[in-house]
PDB file of N, CA and C in Angstrom:
ATOM      1  N   MET A   1       0.846  -1.193   0.027  1.00  0.00           N
ATOM      2  CA  MET A   1       0.001   0.004   0.009  1.00  0.00           C
ATOM      3  C   MET A   1       0.921   1.255   0.022  1.00  0.00           C
ATOM      4  N   ALA A   2       0.490   2.184  -0.781  1.00  0.00           N
ATOM      5  CA  ALA A   2       1.270   3.430  -0.838  1.00  0.00           C
ATOM      6  C   ALA A   2       0.753   4.455   0.200  1.00  0.00           C
ATOM      7  N   ALA A   3       1.710   5.044   0.843  1.00  0.00           N
ATOM      8  CA  ALA A   3       1.386   6.033   1.885  1.00  0.00           C
ATOM      9  C   ALA A   3       1.140   7.342   1.064  1.00  0.00           C
ATOM     10  N   LYS A   4      -0.029   7.982   1.456  1.00  0.00           N
ATOM     11  CA  LYS A   4      -0.346   9.226   0.785  1.00  0.00           C
ATOM     12  C   LYS A   4      -0.079  10.432   1.673  1.00  0.00           C
ATOM     13  N   VAL A   5       0.453  11.505   1.033  1.00  0.00           N
ATOM     14  CA  VAL A   5       0.586  12.780   1.706  1.00  0.00           C
ATOM     15  C   VAL A   5      -0.277  13.704   0.962  1.00  0.00           C
ATOM     16  N   GLY A   6      -1.432  14.002   1.534  1.00  0.00           N
ATOM     17  CA  GLY A   6      -2.402  14.805   0.813  1.00  0.00           C
ATOM     18  C   GLY A   6      -2.901  13.922  -0.302  1.00  0.00           C
ATOM     19  N   ASN A   7      -2.807  14.379  -1.557  1.00  0.00           N
ATOM     20  CA  ASN A   7      -3.215  13.588  -2.722  1.00  0.00           C
ATOM     21  C   ASN A   7      -2.061  12.944  -3.400  1.00  0.00           C
ATOM     22  N   ARG A   8      -0.848  13.148  -2.905  1.00  0.00           N
ATOM     23  CA  ARG A   8       0.340  12.670  -3.554  1.00  0.00           C
ATOM     24  C   ARG A   8       0.907  11.475  -2.854  1.00  0.00           C
ATOM     25  N   LYS A   9       1.560  10.597  -3.654  1.00  0.00           N
ATOM     26  CA  LYS A   9       2.264   9.437  -3.028  1.00  0.00           C
ATOM     27  C   LYS A   9       3.702   9.751  -2.870  1.00  0.00           C
ATOM     28  N   ARG A  10       4.351   9.135  -1.887  1.00  0.00           N
ATOM     29  CA  ARG A  10       5.775   9.372  -1.733  1.00  0.00           C
ATOM     30  C   ARG A  10       6.511   8.643  -2.867  1.00  0.00           C
ATOM     31  N   LYS A  11       7.661   9.219  -3.163  1.00  0.00           N
ATOM     32  CA  LYS A  11       8.392   8.670  -4.379  1.00  0.00           C
ATOM     33  C   LYS A  11       8.836   7.195  -4.189  1.00  0.00           C
ATOM     34  N   ASP A  12       9.333   6.825  -2.972  1.00  0.00           N
ATOM     35  CA  ASP A  12       9.731   5.453  -2.761  1.00  0.00           C
ATOM     36  C   ASP A  12       8.580   4.499  -2.751  1.00  0.00           C
ATOM     37  N   GLU A  13       7.396   4.924  -2.412  1.00  0.00           N
ATOM     38  CA  GLU A  13       6.269   4.087  -2.442  1.00  0.00           C
ATOM     39  C   GLU A  13       5.804   3.833  -3.894  1.00  0.00           C
ATOM     40  N   THR A  14       5.916   4.882  -4.687  1.00  0.00           N
ATOM     41  CA  THR A  14       5.591   4.732  -6.123  1.00  0.00           C
ATOM     42  C   THR A  14       6.541   3.719  -6.795  1.00  0.00           C
ATOM     43  N   LEU A  15       7.817   3.725  -6.481  1.00  0.00           N
ATOM     44  CA  LEU A  15       8.685   2.744  -7.007  1.00  0.00           C
ATOM     45  C   LEU A  15       8.414   1.341  -6.614  1.00  0.00           C
ATOM     46  N   ASP A  16       7.930   1.182  -5.307  1.00  0.00           N
ATOM     47  CA  ASP A  16       7.501  -0.170  -4.882  1.00  0.00           C
ATOM     48  C   ASP A  16       6.339  -0.668  -5.711  1.00  0.00           C
ATOM     49  N   LEU A  17       5.324   0.303  -6.025  1.00  0.00           N
ATOM     50  CA  LEU A  17       4.236  -0.089  -6.783  1.00  0.00           C
ATOM     51  C   LEU A  17       4.642  -0.463  -8.193  1.00  0.00           C
ATOM     52  N   CYS A  18       5.616   0.166  -8.791  1.00  0.00           N
ATOM     53  CA  CYS A  18       6.123  -0.216 -10.077  1.00  0.00           C
ATOM     54  C   CYS A  18       6.683  -1.635 -10.038  1.00  0.00           C
ATOM     55  N   LYS A  19       7.392  -1.986  -8.990  1.00  0.00           N
ATOM     56  CA  LYS A  19       7.939  -3.336  -8.942  1.00  0.00           C
ATOM     57  C   LYS A  19       6.889  -4.372  -8.758  1.00  0.00           C
ATOM     58  N   GLU A  20       5.776  -4.047  -8.045  1.00  0.00           N
ATOM     59  CA  GLU A  20       4.691  -4.939  -7.921  1.00  0.00           C
ATOM     60  C   GLU A  20       3.909  -5.102  -9.238  1.00  0.00           C
ATOM     61  N   ALA A  21       3.943  -4.067 -10.045  1.00  0.00           N
ATOM     62  CA  ALA A  21       3.200  -4.114 -11.268  1.00  0.00           C
ATOM     63  C   ALA A  21       3.822  -4.970 -12.299  1.00  0.00           C
ATOM     64  N   GLY A  22       4.995  -5.527 -12.083  1.00  0.00           N
ATOM     65  CA  GLY A  22       5.547  -6.497 -13.015  1.00  0.00           C
ATOM     66  C   GLY A  22       6.896  -6.163 -13.629  1.00  0.00           C
ATOM     67  N   SER A  23       7.581  -5.288 -13.025  1.00  0.00           N
ATOM     68  CA  SER A  23       8.896  -4.873 -13.610  1.00  0.00           C
ATOM     69  C   SER A  23      10.016  -5.850 -13.116  1.00  0.00           C
ATOM     70  N   TYR A  24       9.788  -7.106 -13.303  1.00  0.00           N
ATOM     71  CA  TYR A  24      10.748  -8.097 -12.849  1.00  0.00           C
ATOM     72  C   TYR A  24      11.958  -8.188 -13.769  1.00  0.00           C
ATOM     73  N   ILE A  25      11.862  -7.609 -14.976  1.00  0.00           N
ATOM     74  CA  ILE A  25      12.921  -7.714 -15.920  1.00  0.00           C
ATOM     75  C   ILE A  25      13.826  -6.469 -15.864  1.00  0.00           C
ATOM     76  N   PHE A  26      13.205  -5.291 -15.705  1.00  0.00           N
ATOM     77  CA  PHE A  26      13.919  -3.979 -15.825  1.00  0.00           C
ATOM     78  C   PHE A  26      13.797  -3.275 -14.486  1.00  0.00           C
ATOM     79  N   ASN A  27      14.912  -2.867 -13.912  1.00  0.00           N
ATOM     80  CA  ASN A  27      14.961  -2.078 -12.681  1.00  0.00           C
ATOM     81  C   ASN A  27      14.804  -0.596 -13.060  1.00  0.00           C
ATOM     82  N   ARG A  28      13.686  -0.005 -12.808  1.00  0.00           N
ATOM     83  CA  ARG A  28      13.414   1.351 -13.229  1.00  0.00           C
ATOM     84  C   ARG A  28      14.184   2.348 -12.399  1.00  0.00           C
ATOM     85  N   ARG A  29      14.447   1.991 -11.197  1.00  0.00           N
ATOM     86  CA  ARG A  29      15.250   2.941 -10.318  1.00  0.00           C
ATOM     87  C   ARG A  29      16.672   3.132 -10.863  1.00  0.00           C
ATOM     88  N   GLU A  30      17.300   2.011 -11.185  1.00  0.00           N
ATOM     89  CA  GLU A  30      18.724   2.090 -11.658  1.00  0.00           C
ATOM     90  C   GLU A  30      18.822   2.088 -13.174  1.00  0.00           C
ATOM     91  N   LYS A  31      17.689   1.899 -13.865  1.00  0.00           N
ATOM     92  CA  LYS A  31      17.594   1.840 -15.304  1.00  0.00           C
ATOM     93  C   LYS A  31      18.500   0.787 -15.863  1.00  0.00           C
ATOM     94  N   THR A  32      18.409  -0.497 -15.276  1.00  0.00           N
ATOM     95  CA  THR A  32      19.227  -1.595 -15.697  1.00  0.00           C
ATOM     96  C   THR A  32      18.358  -2.893 -15.810  1.00  0.00           C
ATOM     97  N   VAL A  33      18.877  -3.885 -16.397  1.00  0.00           N
ATOM     98  CA  VAL A  33      18.204  -5.151 -16.435  1.00  0.00           C
ATOM     99  C   VAL A  33      18.549  -5.884 -15.113  1.00  0.00           C
ATOM    100  N   ARG A  34      17.550  -6.475 -14.501  1.00  0.00           N
ATOM    101  CA  ARG A  34      17.737  -7.156 -13.212  1.00  0.00           C
ATOM    102  C   ARG A  34      18.625  -8.388 -13.350  1.00  0.00           C
ATOM    103  N   GLY A  35      19.562  -8.505 -12.396  1.00  0.00           N
ATOM    104  CA  GLY A  35      20.476  -9.622 -12.414  1.00  0.00           C
ATOM    105  C   GLY A  35      19.768 -10.979 -12.232  1.00  0.00           C
ATOM    106  N   SER A  36      18.694 -10.916 -11.475  1.00  0.00           N
ATOM    107  CA  SER A  36      17.967 -12.162 -11.210  1.00  0.00           C
ATOM    108  C   SER A  36      17.286 -12.598 -12.526  1.00  0.00           C
ATOM    109  N   PHE A  37      16.854 -11.730 -13.399  1.00  0.00           N
ATOM    110  CA  PHE A  37      16.262 -12.092 -14.664  1.00  0.00           C
ATOM    111  C   PHE A  37      17.325 -12.663 -15.561  1.00  0.00           C
ATOM    112  N   VAL A  38      18.544 -12.088 -15.606  1.00  0.00           N
ATOM    113  CA  VAL A  38      19.629 -12.679 -16.424  1.00  0.00           C
ATOM    114  C   VAL A  38      19.924 -14.058 -15.989  1.00  0.00           C
ATOM    115  N   ASN A  39      20.087 -14.271 -14.664  1.00  0.00           N
ATOM    116  CA  ASN A  39      20.356 -15.624 -14.170  1.00  0.00           C
ATOM    117  C   ASN A  39      19.256 -16.597 -14.452  1.00  0.00           C
ATOM    118  N   LEU A  40      18.012 -16.139 -14.375  1.00  0.00           N
ATOM    119  CA  LEU A  40      16.916 -16.993 -14.710  1.00  0.00           C
ATOM    120  C   LEU A  40      16.907 -17.415 -16.178  1.00  0.00           C
ATOM    121  N   SER A  41      17.267 -16.415 -17.057  1.00  0.00           N
ATOM    122  CA  SER A  41      17.348 -16.713 -18.403  1.00  0.00           C
ATOM    123  C   SER A  41      18.438 -17.737 -18.761  1.00  0.00           C
ATOM    124  N   ILE A  42      19.572 -17.556 -18.110  1.00  0.00           N
ATOM    125  CA  ILE A  42      20.706 -18.466 -18.343  1.00  0.00           C
ATOM    126  C   ILE A  42      20.331 -19.886 -17.839  1.00  0.00           C
ATOM    127  N   THR A  43      19.679 -19.995 -16.725  1.00  0.00           N
ATOM    128  CA  THR A  43      19.321 -21.253 -16.131  1.00  0.00           C
ATOM    129  C   THR A  43      18.306 -21.942 -17.049  1.00  0.00           C
ATOM    130  N   PHE A  44      17.264 -21.285 -17.475  1.00  0.00           N
ATOM    131  CA  PHE A  44      16.300 -21.907 -18.426  1.00  0.00           C
ATOM    132  C   PHE A  44      16.903 -22.298 -19.767  1.00  0.00           C
ATOM    133  N   THR A  45      17.862 -21.495 -20.308  1.00  0.00           N
ATOM    134  CA  THR A  45      18.540 -21.883 -21.504  1.00  0.00           C
ATOM    135  C   THR A  45      19.363 -23.158 -21.389  1.00  0.00           C
ATOM    136  N   ILE A  46      20.055 -23.258 -20.260  1.00  0.00           N
ATOM    137  CA  ILE A  46      20.848 -24.473 -19.969  1.00  0.00           C
ATOM    138  C   ILE A  46      19.909 -25.674 -19.775  1.00  0.00           C
ATOM    139  N   LEU A  47      18.804 -25.518 -19.139  1.00  0.00           N
ATOM    140  CA  LEU A  47      17.882 -26.602 -18.911  1.00  0.00           C
ATOM    141  C   LEU A  47      17.251 -27.024 -20.282  1.00  0.00           C
ATOM    142  N   LEU A  48      16.901 -26.028 -21.103  1.00  0.00           N
ATOM    143  CA  LEU A  48      16.393 -26.360 -22.425  1.00  0.00           C
ATOM    144  C   LEU A  48      17.363 -27.124 -23.230  1.00  0.00           C
ATOM    145  N   LEU A  49      18.642 -26.715 -23.243  1.00  0.00           N
ATOM    146  CA  LEU A  49      19.695 -27.437 -23.932  1.00  0.00           C
ATOM    147  C   LEU A  49      19.880 -28.862 -23.458  1.00  0.00           C
ATOM    148  N   VAL A  50      19.768 -29.063 -22.123  1.00  0.00           N
ATOM    149  CA  VAL A  50      19.924 -30.402 -21.588  1.00  0.00           C
ATOM    150  C   VAL A  50      18.784 -31.285 -22.089  1.00  0.00           C
ATOM    151  N   VAL A  51      17.501 -30.774 -22.060  1.00  0.00           N
ATOM    152  CA  VAL A  51      16.385 -31.529 -22.502  1.00  0.00           C
ATOM    153  C   VAL A  51      16.524 -31.874 -23.966  1.00  0.00           C
ATOM    154  N   ILE A  52      16.997 -30.973 -24.830  1.00  0.00           N
ATOM    155  CA  ILE A  52      17.164 -31.146 -26.246  1.00  0.00           C
ATOM    156  C   ILE A  52      18.260 -32.251 -26.372  1.00  0.00           C
ATOM    157  N   GLY A  53      19.270 -32.169 -25.569  1.00  0.00           N
ATOM    158  CA  GLY A  53      20.391 -33.145 -25.622  1.00  0.00           C
ATOM    159  C   GLY A  53      19.963 -34.555 -25.288  1.00  0.00           C
ATOM    160  N   CYS A  54      18.897 -34.703 -24.468  1.00  0.00           N
ATOM    161  CA  CYS A  54      18.427 -35.965 -24.165  1.00  0.00           C
ATOM    162  C   CYS A  54      17.785 -36.720 -25.327  1.00  0.00           C
ATOM    163  N   PHE A  55      17.333 -35.944 -26.348  1.00  0.00           N
ATOM    164  CA  PHE A  55      16.702 -36.528 -27.559  1.00  0.00           C
ATOM    165  C   PHE A  55      17.575 -36.399 -28.755  1.00  0.00           C
ATOM    166  N   ASN A  56      18.648 -35.704 -28.750  1.00  0.00           N
ATOM    167  CA  ASN A  56      19.498 -35.499 -29.919  1.00  0.00           C
ATOM    168  C   ASN A  56      20.943 -35.784 -29.538  1.00  0.00           C
ATOM    169  N   ASP A  57      21.504 -36.833 -30.161  1.00  0.00           N
ATOM    170  CA  ASP A  57      22.903 -37.201 -29.775  1.00  0.00           C
ATOM    171  C   ASP A  57      23.935 -36.187 -30.174  1.00  0.00           C
ATOM    172  N   VAL A  58      23.733 -35.496 -31.320  1.00  0.00           N
ATOM    173  CA  VAL A  58      24.717 -34.502 -31.744  1.00  0.00           C
ATOM    174  C   VAL A  58      24.765 -33.333 -30.706  1.00  0.00           C
ATOM    175  N   VAL A  59      23.610 -32.918 -30.291  1.00  0.00           N
ATOM    176  CA  VAL A  59      23.554 -31.783 -29.256  1.00  0.00           C
ATOM    177  C   VAL A  59      24.216 -32.276 -27.958  1.00  0.00           C
ATOM    178  N   ALA A  60      23.944 -33.535 -27.571  1.00  0.00           N
ATOM    179  CA  ALA A  60      24.508 -34.025 -26.413  1.00  0.00           C
ATOM    180  C   ALA A  60      25.998 -34.146 -26.431  1.00  0.00           C
ATOM    181  N   GLU A  61      26.582 -34.482 -27.555  1.00  0.00           N
ATOM    182  CA  GLU A  61      28.038 -34.545 -27.720  1.00  0.00           C
ATOM    183  C   GLU A  61      28.639 -33.108 -27.651  1.00  0.00           C
ATOM    184  N   ARG A  62      27.984 -32.169 -28.217  1.00  0.00           N
ATOM    185  CA  ARG A  62      28.527 -30.775 -28.205  1.00  0.00           C
ATOM    186  C   ARG A  62      28.355 -30.185 -26.787  1.00  0.00           C
ATOM    187  N   LEU A  63      27.301 -30.553 -26.091  1.00  0.00           N
ATOM    188  CA  LEU A  63      27.187 -30.079 -24.682  1.00  0.00           C
ATOM    189  C   LEU A  63      28.204 -30.733 -23.813  1.00  0.00           C
ATOM    190  N   ASP A  64      28.533 -31.945 -24.083  1.00  0.00           N
ATOM    191  CA  ASP A  64      29.498 -32.674 -23.299  1.00  0.00           C
ATOM    192  C   ASP A  64      30.928 -31.951 -23.501  1.00  0.00           C
ATOM    193  N   LYS A  65      31.193 -31.523 -24.738  1.00  0.00           N
ATOM    194  CA  LYS A  65      32.418 -30.812 -25.005  1.00  0.00           C
ATOM    195  C   LYS A  65      32.506 -29.479 -24.376  1.00  0.00           C
ATOM    196  N   MET A  66      31.386 -28.777 -24.259  1.00  0.00           N
ATOM    197  CA  MET A  66      31.299 -27.464 -23.697  1.00  0.00           C
ATOM    198  C   MET A  66      30.868 -27.418 -22.275  1.00  0.00           C
ATOM    199  N   SER A  67      30.787 -28.506 -21.529  1.00  0.00           N
ATOM    200  CA  SER A  67      30.313 -28.565 -20.189  1.00  0.00           C
ATOM    201  C   SER A  67      31.061 -27.717 -19.222  1.00  0.00           C
ATOM    202  N   THR A  68      32.413 -27.679 -19.369  1.00  0.00           N
ATOM    203  CA  THR A  68      33.279 -26.855 -18.483  1.00  0.00           C
ATOM    204  C   THR A  68      33.000 -25.380 -18.730  1.00  0.00           C
ATOM    205  N   LEU A  69      32.833 -25.000 -19.964  1.00  0.00           N
ATOM    206  CA  LEU A  69      32.540 -23.616 -20.267  1.00  0.00           C
ATOM    207  C   LEU A  69      31.160 -23.170 -19.743  1.00  0.00           C
ATOM    208  N   ILE A  70      30.167 -24.048 -19.888  1.00  0.00           N
ATOM    209  CA  ILE A  70      28.810 -23.785 -19.432  1.00  0.00           C
ATOM    210  C   ILE A  70      28.814 -23.587 -17.910  1.00  0.00           C
ATOM    211  N   ILE A  71      29.419 -24.541 -17.247  1.00  0.00           N
ATOM    212  CA  ILE A  71      29.473 -24.489 -15.749  1.00  0.00           C
ATOM    213  C   ILE A  71      30.194 -23.261 -15.260  1.00  0.00           C
ATOM    214  N   GLY A  72      31.306 -22.960 -15.919  1.00  0.00           N
ATOM    215  CA  GLY A  72      32.063 -21.733 -15.480  1.00  0.00           C
ATOM    216  C   GLY A  72      31.329 -20.486 -15.709  1.00  0.00           C
ATOM    217  N   PHE A  73      30.656 -20.332 -16.873  1.00  0.00           N
ATOM    218  CA  PHE A  73      29.810 -19.133 -17.183  1.00  0.00           C
ATOM    219  C   PHE A  73      28.704 -19.012 -16.225  1.00  0.00           C
ATOM    220  N   PHE A  74      28.008 -20.064 -15.949  1.00  0.00           N
ATOM    221  CA  PHE A  74      26.826 -20.008 -15.027  1.00  0.00           C
ATOM    222  C   PHE A  74      27.304 -19.650 -13.610  1.00  0.00           C
ATOM    223  N   THR A  75      28.382 -20.288 -13.109  1.00  0.00           N
ATOM    224  CA  THR A  75      28.911 -20.039 -11.806  1.00  0.00           C
ATOM    225  C   THR A  75      29.358 -18.550 -11.672  1.00  0.00           C
ATOM    226  N   ALA A  76      30.070 -18.073 -12.673  1.00  0.00           N
ATOM    227  CA  ALA A  76      30.508 -16.677 -12.616  1.00  0.00           C
ATOM    228  C   ALA A  76      29.327 -15.705 -12.614  1.00  0.00           C
ATOM    229  N   SER A  77      28.325 -15.937 -13.486  1.00  0.00           N
ATOM    230  CA  SER A  77      27.151 -15.094 -13.489  1.00  0.00           C
ATOM    231  C   SER A  77      26.446 -15.073 -12.173  1.00  0.00           C
ATOM    232  N   LEU A  78      26.188 -16.253 -11.589  1.00  0.00           N
ATOM    233  CA  LEU A  78      25.512 -16.332 -10.331  1.00  0.00           C
ATOM    234  C   LEU A  78      26.359 -15.756  -9.204  1.00  0.00           C
ATOM    235  N   GLY A  79      27.675 -15.939  -9.239  1.00  0.00           N
ATOM    236  CA  GLY A  79      28.482 -15.396  -8.203  1.00  0.00           C
ATOM    237  C   GLY A  79      28.593 -13.850  -8.272  1.00  0.00           C
ATOM    238  N   ILE A  80      28.689 -13.291  -9.445  1.00  0.00           N
ATOM    239  CA  ILE A  80      28.664 -11.823  -9.518  1.00  0.00           C
ATOM    240  C   ILE A  80      27.375 -11.255  -9.058  1.00  0.00           C
ATOM    241  N   TRP A  81      26.250 -11.868  -9.352  1.00  0.00           N
ATOM    242  CA  TRP A  81      24.991 -11.373  -8.919  1.00  0.00           C
ATOM    243  C   TRP A  81      24.787 -11.487  -7.419  1.00  0.00           C
ATOM    244  N   SER A  82      25.251 -12.588  -6.904  1.00  0.00           N
ATOM    245  CA  SER A  82      25.149 -12.829  -5.362  1.00  0.00           C
ATOM    246  C   SER A  82      26.051 -11.862  -4.637  1.00  0.00           C
ATOM    247  N   TYR A  83      27.250 -11.565  -5.161  1.00  0.00           N
ATOM    248  CA  TYR A  83      28.149 -10.663  -4.501  1.00  0.00           C
ATOM    249  C   TYR A  83      27.524  -9.246  -4.531  1.00  0.00           C
ATOM    250  N   LYS A  84      26.937  -8.838  -5.650  1.00  0.00           N
ATOM    251  CA  LYS A  84      26.350  -7.524  -5.734  1.00  0.00           C
ATOM    252  C   LYS A  84      25.246  -7.385  -4.750  1.00  0.00           C
ATOM    253  N   LYS A  85      24.334  -8.458  -4.698  1.00  0.00           N
ATOM    254  CA  LYS A  85      23.270  -8.395  -3.693  1.00  0.00           C
ATOM    255  C   LYS A  85      23.814  -8.280  -2.256  1.00  0.00           C
ATOM    256  N   TYR A  86      24.909  -8.999  -1.977  1.00  0.00           N
ATOM    257  CA  TYR A  86      25.513  -8.907  -0.630  1.00  0.00           C
ATOM    258  C   TYR A  86      26.036  -7.497  -0.359  1.00  0.00           C
ATOM    259  N   GLN A  87      26.682  -6.902  -1.326  1.00  0.00           N
ATOM    260  CA  GLN A  87      27.203  -5.568  -1.176  1.00  0.00           C
ATOM    261  C   GLN A  87      26.092  -4.550  -1.031  1.00  0.00           C
ATOM    262  N   GLU A  88      25.006  -4.681  -1.699  1.00  0.00           N
ATOM    263  CA  GLU A  88      23.852  -3.772  -1.563  1.00  0.00           C
ATOM    264  C   GLU A  88      23.265  -3.964  -0.190  1.00  0.00           C
ATOM    265  N   GLY A  89      23.266  -5.121   0.389  1.00  0.00           N
ATOM    266  CA  GLY A  89      22.713  -5.348   1.732  1.00  0.00           C
ATOM    267  C   GLY A  89      23.605  -4.681   2.792  1.00  0.00           C
ATOM    268  N   ASN A  90      24.937  -4.621   2.600  1.00  0.00           N
ATOM    269  CA  ASN A  90      25.856  -4.060   3.529  1.00  0.00           C
ATOM    270  C   ASN A  90      26.039  -2.529   3.381  1.00  0.00           C
ATOM    271  N   ASN A  91      25.421  -1.937   2.481  1.00  0.00           N
ATOM    272  CA  ASN A  91      25.586  -0.487   2.238  1.00  0.00           C
ATOM    273  C   ASN A  91      24.933   0.277   3.359  1.00  0.00           C
ATOM    274  N   GLY A  92      23.877  -0.301   3.975  1.00  0.00           N
ATOM    275  CA  GLY A  92      23.185   0.421   5.043  1.00  0.00           C
ATOM    276  C   GLY A  92      23.937   0.368   6.335  1.00  0.00           C
ATOM    277  N   LEU A  93      24.961  -0.408   6.480  1.00  0.00           N
ATOM    278  CA  LEU A  93      25.677  -0.569   7.792  1.00  0.00           C
ATOM    279  C   LEU A  93      26.623   0.571   7.994  1.00  0.00           C
TER     280      LEU A  93
END
């Protein structure tokens, strides 16, 4: 619920309403793509490739050759996002 001052809403409450309205992809406050959306996209892409690899031997062989690269890329992406969230949480201290 947004707190009203007269007929106006506070700015931070308005931003919370924007997030509730479905801006799970784009962070309007910082004008960036959300890291959680990027990680979700990477995860779903990897899962889709694994499912396709279950039914297609050529894809499975290529995924096997690239497994170290896929794991490294996913780990780095998730690690960077987690570190950023940790740093954002410690800024208030």
